[in-house]
Amino acid sequence: MLSTLITITTLLALSNAQSWVPSGDLPVDFSLTFSAPEMVYDVCNRNFTQSARTISVATMNVAVTPGETAYDPTAMTITGASSGDMFTILMVDPDTPSAEVGTTEKPLLHMLITNITNADPSTGAVLNPYGGPMPPPCSGDHTYHYLLLKQAAALSLTVDDLPGFTPDCTNPGLIGRCLFEVANFISSNQLTPVGYVTMVAATDGYVRYGYVNDRGMSEADSCRGLDGYDPCPTAPPGSGSEKVMVSMSAFMASAWCLIFSVIFVLN
């Protein structure tokens, strides 16, 4: 029975893991700093107050709000690199509610900087400028992954090359960003993960205000889940069948493995 429980735990963990997420100790320290201004967002018949503070994203699962990280990082720091090293910085969100925008394996691209020298991100070529978190209402927590990738040589990539890594993206406004093939990007450009941090954010006043005033979403939809408004639907709005099928496939695979594990233990 203990063997079975261990098998279940391992399988469930693997079913939710991304193949492109690095594991183990990485040789280079990488961090980002954000300076959040004091703000008040008037939306959903209330005021959302954001306090001024400085946020450091230097570890895993740093809790932030979209409003606090809406603007470019005030600093990106690379420590422990060797002289002559060149780097790429990649930021993605695999937690989009729509399978047409991002999936676990093919997330939404938020930032891409290549050919960084002297451990100074300001020297790099910005192929996709920083785009802060904007998790839609009722879509839960989003984990934003930052990968520091060591280059084997200078890359000749340009903005025009990005659609080649999003062949399944059909959203005309997100070509080169949605369903970004991270694993393919890393392997085809001979990149090696050497640093990795993540931050976690969910819908806040900044997001609700932005969806109403900048993206044309109705206040009723933007304010879902708040007192005085409709509750969030059971499934996030815009959820695609692909994500449901992937989850079901992972569940069924785990179930079959559980059955075989039980048989093995009993015999």
Protein backbone atom coordinates (compact mmCIF):
# COMPACT_ATOMS: atom_id res chain seq x y z
CA MET A 1 0.00 0.00 0.00
CA LEU A 2 2.85 2.40 0.81
CA SER A 3 4.38 1.63 -2.57
CA THR A 4 1.04 2.43 -4.20
CA LEU A 5 0.75 5.77 -2.41
CA ILE A 6 4.26 6.73 -3.45
CA THR A 7 3.45 5.81 -7.03
CA ILE A 8 0.28 7.94 -6.98
CA THR A 9 2.13 10.95 -5.59
CA THR A 10 4.92 10.65 -8.14
CA LEU A 11 2.57 10.25 -11.07
CA LEU A 12 0.43 13.20 -10.09
CA ALA A 13 3.49 15.38 -9.75
CA LEU A 14 4.79 14.31 -13.13
CA SER A 15 1.43 14.90 -14.81
CA ASN A 16 1.58 18.58 -13.81
CA ALA A 17 5.27 19.15 -14.58
CA GLN A 18 6.51 21.10 -17.57
CA SER A 19 9.31 19.48 -19.54
CA TRP A 20 11.09 22.82 -19.89
CA VAL A 21 11.23 23.63 -16.17
CA PRO A 22 14.80 23.18 -14.87
CA SER A 23 15.46 21.01 -11.84
CA GLY A 24 18.19 20.76 -9.25
CA ASP A 25 20.67 23.40 -8.19
CA LEU A 26 21.52 25.89 -10.92
CA PRO A 27 24.92 27.59 -11.11
CA VAL A 28 23.90 31.22 -11.64
CA ASP A 29 21.85 33.44 -9.32
CA PHE A 30 19.18 35.45 -11.10
CA SER A 31 16.78 37.98 -9.62
CA LEU A 32 14.42 40.77 -10.62
CA THR A 33 13.40 43.89 -8.71
CA PHE A 34 10.14 45.79 -9.14
CA SER A 35 9.28 49.18 -7.68
CA ALA A 36 5.52 49.37 -7.18
CA PRO A 37 3.95 52.84 -6.97
CA GLU A 38 1.10 53.72 -4.64
CA MET A 39 -2.08 53.53 -6.67
CA VAL A 40 -5.87 53.48 -6.28
CA TYR A 41 -8.02 51.70 -8.85
CA ASP A 42 -11.70 52.72 -8.89
CA VAL A 43 -13.66 49.82 -10.35
CA CYS A 44 -16.34 47.31 -9.34
CA ASN A 45 -18.00 49.93 -7.08
CA ARG A 46 -14.99 50.06 -4.76
CA ASN A 47 -11.47 51.39 -4.49
CA PHE A 48 -8.56 48.97 -4.72
CA THR A 49 -5.54 50.47 -2.96
CA GLN A 50 -2.03 49.43 -3.88
CA SER A 51 0.75 50.38 -1.47
CA ALA A 52 4.17 51.48 -2.68
CA ARG A 53 6.83 48.85 -2.10
CA THR A 54 9.89 47.21 -3.62
CA ILE A 55 9.58 43.57 -4.61
CA SER A 56 12.47 41.17 -5.14
CA VAL A 57 11.87 38.03 -7.18
CA ALA A 58 14.91 35.93 -6.33
CA THR A 59 13.41 32.55 -5.40
CA MET A 60 10.48 30.34 -6.33
CA ASN A 61 6.80 31.26 -5.99
CA VAL A 62 7.24 34.87 -4.85
CA ALA A 63 3.77 36.30 -4.19
CA VAL A 64 3.12 39.53 -6.10
CA THR A 65 0.16 41.41 -7.55
CA PRO A 66 -0.21 42.35 -11.22
CA GLY A 67 -0.34 46.03 -10.28
CA GLU A 68 2.96 45.79 -8.43
CA THR A 69 4.67 44.14 -11.39
CA ALA A 70 2.90 45.98 -14.21
CA TYR A 71 5.93 47.94 -15.31
CA ASP A 72 9.40 46.85 -16.42
CA PRO A 73 11.65 45.49 -13.68
CA THR A 74 13.82 48.27 -12.26
CA ALA A 75 16.68 45.76 -12.10
CA MET A 76 17.55 42.30 -13.37
CA THR A 77 20.63 40.87 -11.71
CA ILE A 78 22.86 38.00 -12.84
CA THR A 79 25.43 36.80 -10.30
CA GLY A 80 27.96 34.00 -10.59
CA ALA A 81 28.45 34.07 -14.35
CA SER A 82 31.83 33.43 -15.93
CA SER A 83 33.58 36.02 -18.04
CA GLY A 84 32.45 35.80 -21.64
CA ASP A 85 29.14 34.07 -20.88
CA MET A 86 26.15 35.11 -22.99
CA PHE A 87 22.57 34.72 -21.82
CA THR A 88 18.93 34.76 -22.83
CA ILE A 89 16.10 35.67 -20.45
CA LEU A 90 12.70 34.10 -21.08
CA MET A 91 9.46 34.83 -19.20
CA VAL A 92 6.31 32.75 -19.78
CA ASP A 93 2.88 32.04 -18.28
CA PRO A 94 1.58 28.45 -18.66
CA ASP A 95 -1.59 29.14 -16.66
CA THR A 96 -3.71 31.00 -19.20
CA PRO A 97 -7.37 29.90 -19.01
CA SER A 98 -7.60 29.47 -22.78
CA ALA A 99 -5.86 26.54 -24.45
CA GLU A 100 -5.67 28.69 -27.59
CA VAL A 101 -3.38 31.13 -25.79
CA GLY A 102 -1.18 28.94 -23.60
CA THR A 103 -0.80 25.43 -22.23
CA THR A 104 1.49 23.70 -19.78
CA GLU A 105 3.97 22.78 -22.51
CA LYS A 106 3.34 25.78 -24.77
CA PRO A 107 2.83 28.82 -22.52
CA LEU A 108 2.24 32.47 -23.34
CA LEU A 109 5.44 34.43 -23.93
CA HIS A 110 5.79 37.56 -21.75
CA MET A 111 9.41 38.58 -22.31
CA LEU A 112 12.42 37.52 -24.38
CA ILE A 113 15.89 39.08 -24.30
CA THR A 114 18.85 37.48 -26.08
CA ASN A 115 22.61 38.02 -26.44
CA ILE A 116 23.14 39.41 -22.94
CA THR A 117 26.83 40.04 -22.23
CA ASN A 118 28.85 41.02 -19.15
CA ALA A 119 26.01 39.66 -16.96
CA ASP A 120 24.14 42.89 -17.78
CA PRO A 121 20.60 42.40 -19.16
CA SER A 122 20.59 45.95 -20.55
CA THR A 123 23.13 44.81 -23.17
CA GLY A 124 20.73 42.24 -24.65
CA ALA A 125 18.53 42.33 -27.72
CA VAL A 126 14.88 42.71 -26.71
CA LEU A 127 12.82 40.49 -29.01
CA ASN A 128 9.69 40.67 -26.86
CA PRO A 129 9.52 43.49 -24.32
CA TYR A 130 8.34 42.82 -20.79
CA GLY A 131 4.59 42.35 -20.48
CA GLY A 132 3.38 42.26 -16.90
CA PRO A 133 0.90 39.79 -15.43
CA MET A 134 -2.71 40.25 -16.51
CA PRO A 135 -4.50 37.13 -15.25
CA PRO A 136 -8.15 37.29 -16.31
CA PRO A 137 -10.83 37.42 -13.61
CA CYS A 138 -11.77 34.00 -12.25
CA SER A 139 -8.65 32.32 -13.70
CA GLY A 140 -6.98 31.68 -10.34
CA ASP A 141 -3.28 31.93 -9.57
CA HIS A 142 -0.84 32.27 -12.45
CA THR A 143 2.82 31.31 -12.05
CA TYR A 144 5.18 33.42 -14.15
CA HIS A 145 8.41 31.62 -14.96
CA TYR A 146 11.69 33.40 -15.60
CA LEU A 147 14.41 31.27 -17.17
CA LEU A 148 18.01 32.42 -17.44
CA LEU A 149 19.51 30.48 -20.35
CA LYS A 150 23.20 30.27 -21.18
CA GLN A 151 23.98 30.58 -24.88
CA ALA A 152 26.56 28.47 -26.69
CA ALA A 153 27.17 31.41 -29.06
CA ALA A 154 25.59 34.66 -30.17
CA LEU A 155 22.07 34.19 -31.57
CA SER A 156 20.96 35.72 -34.86
CA LEU A 157 17.28 35.64 -33.89
CA THR A 158 15.03 38.58 -34.68
CA VAL A 159 11.41 39.41 -33.90
CA ASP A 160 10.47 37.93 -37.27
CA ASP A 161 11.70 34.52 -36.11
CA LEU A 162 9.33 34.28 -33.13
CA PRO A 163 6.28 33.04 -35.10
CA GLY A 164 8.37 29.99 -35.96
CA PHE A 165 8.14 28.99 -32.31
CA THR A 166 4.36 29.54 -32.15
CA PRO A 167 3.11 27.47 -35.13
CA ASP A 168 -0.13 26.57 -33.34
CA CYS A 169 -0.98 30.16 -32.43
CA THR A 170 -4.03 31.39 -34.36
CA ASN A 171 -4.73 34.59 -32.42
CA PRO A 172 -3.64 37.40 -34.79
CA GLY A 173 -2.85 39.69 -31.87
CA LEU A 174 -0.57 37.15 -30.20
CA ILE A 175 1.44 35.68 -33.09
CA GLY A 176 4.93 35.01 -31.82
CA ARG A 177 3.68 34.86 -28.23
CA CYS A 178 0.81 32.43 -27.74
CA LEU A 179 1.49 28.69 -27.50
CA PHE A 180 5.22 29.39 -27.40
CA GLU A 181 7.25 26.20 -27.82
CA VAL A 182 9.70 26.67 -24.95
CA ALA A 183 11.34 23.25 -25.21
CA ASN A 184 11.83 23.66 -28.95
CA PHE A 185 13.21 27.18 -28.48
CA ILE A 186 15.74 25.98 -25.92
CA SER A 187 16.93 22.94 -27.88
CA SER A 188 17.06 24.52 -31.33
CA ASN A 189 19.11 27.45 -30.05
CA GLN A 190 21.45 25.27 -27.95
CA LEU A 191 20.50 26.98 -24.70
CA THR A 192 21.18 25.68 -21.21
CA PRO A 193 19.09 26.69 -18.16
CA VAL A 194 21.40 28.14 -15.51
CA GLY A 195 19.03 30.30 -13.45
CA TYR A 196 15.34 30.15 -12.60
CA VAL A 197 12.84 32.09 -10.49
CA THR A 198 9.05 32.35 -10.44
CA MET A 199 6.40 34.72 -9.17
CA VAL A 200 2.71 34.05 -8.54
CA ALA A 201 -0.10 36.53 -9.16
CA ALA A 202 -3.89 36.53 -9.34
CA THR A 203 -6.50 39.06 -10.43
CA ASP A 204 -6.35 42.36 -8.53
CA GLY A 205 -7.84 45.84 -8.85
CA TYR A 206 -5.30 46.81 -11.49
CA VAL A 207 -6.36 43.87 -13.66
CA ARG A 208 -10.09 44.50 -13.23
CA TYR A 209 -9.63 48.20 -13.99
CA GLY A 210 -7.52 47.40 -17.05
CA TYR A 211 -9.97 44.90 -18.50
CA VAL A 212 -12.84 47.38 -18.17
CA ASN A 213 -11.09 50.54 -19.32
CA ASP A 214 -8.46 49.28 -21.75
CA ARG A 215 -9.75 45.98 -23.11
CA GLY A 216 -13.48 46.59 -23.37
CA MET A 217 -14.63 43.90 -20.94
CA SER A 218 -17.94 44.60 -19.25
CA GLU A 219 -17.78 45.53 -15.59
CA ALA A 220 -20.07 42.60 -14.81
CA ASP A 221 -17.52 40.15 -16.25
CA SER A 222 -14.46 41.93 -14.91
CA CYS A 223 -15.88 42.01 -11.38
CA ARG A 224 -17.05 38.40 -11.22
CA GLY A 225 -16.27 36.71 -7.94
CA LEU A 226 -16.60 39.90 -5.87
CA ASP A 227 -19.42 40.67 -3.44
CA GLY A 228 -22.31 42.19 -5.35
CA TYR A 229 -21.40 40.45 -8.62
CA ASP A 230 -21.93 37.02 -10.12
CA PRO A 231 -19.72 34.24 -8.74
CA CYS A 232 -16.95 32.82 -10.84
CA PRO A 233 -18.11 30.00 -13.12
CA THR A 234 -17.08 26.45 -12.26
CA ALA A 235 -14.71 26.43 -15.25
CA PRO A 236 -12.74 29.59 -16.06
CA PRO A 237 -14.27 31.59 -18.92
CA GLY A 238 -12.73 30.77 -22.27
CA SER A 239 -11.38 27.41 -21.15
CA GLY A 240 -10.51 25.30 -24.17
CA SER A 241 -11.25 21.61 -24.52
CA GLU A 242 -7.53 20.92 -25.00
CA LYS A 243 -6.69 21.73 -21.39
CA VAL A 244 -9.59 19.59 -20.18
CA MET A 245 -8.45 16.69 -22.35
CA VAL A 246 -4.85 17.02 -21.22
CA SER A 247 -5.95 16.92 -17.59
CA MET A 248 -8.20 13.95 -18.24
CA SER A 249 -5.42 12.14 -20.11
CA ALA A 250 -3.03 12.69 -17.22
CA PHE A 251 -5.66 11.49 -14.78
CA MET A 252 -6.44 8.36 -16.80
CA ALA A 253 -2.74 7.56 -17.17
CA SER A 254 -2.32 7.87 -13.42
CA ALA A 255 -5.38 5.71 -12.84
CA TRP A 256 -4.11 2.92 -15.08
CA CYS A 257 -0.69 3.04 -13.44
CA LEU A 258 -2.40 2.87 -10.04
CA ILE A 259 -4.29 -0.25 -11.08
CA PHE A 260 -1.10 -1.96 -12.24
CA SER A 261 0.70 -0.84 -9.07
CA VAL A 262 -2.02 -2.36 -6.89
CA ILE A 263 -1.86 -5.61 -8.83
CA PHE A 264 1.93 -5.65 -8.47
CA VAL A 265 1.76 -5.07 -4.69
CA LEU A 266 -0.95 -7.67 -4.17
CA ASN A 267 1.03 -10.26 -6.12
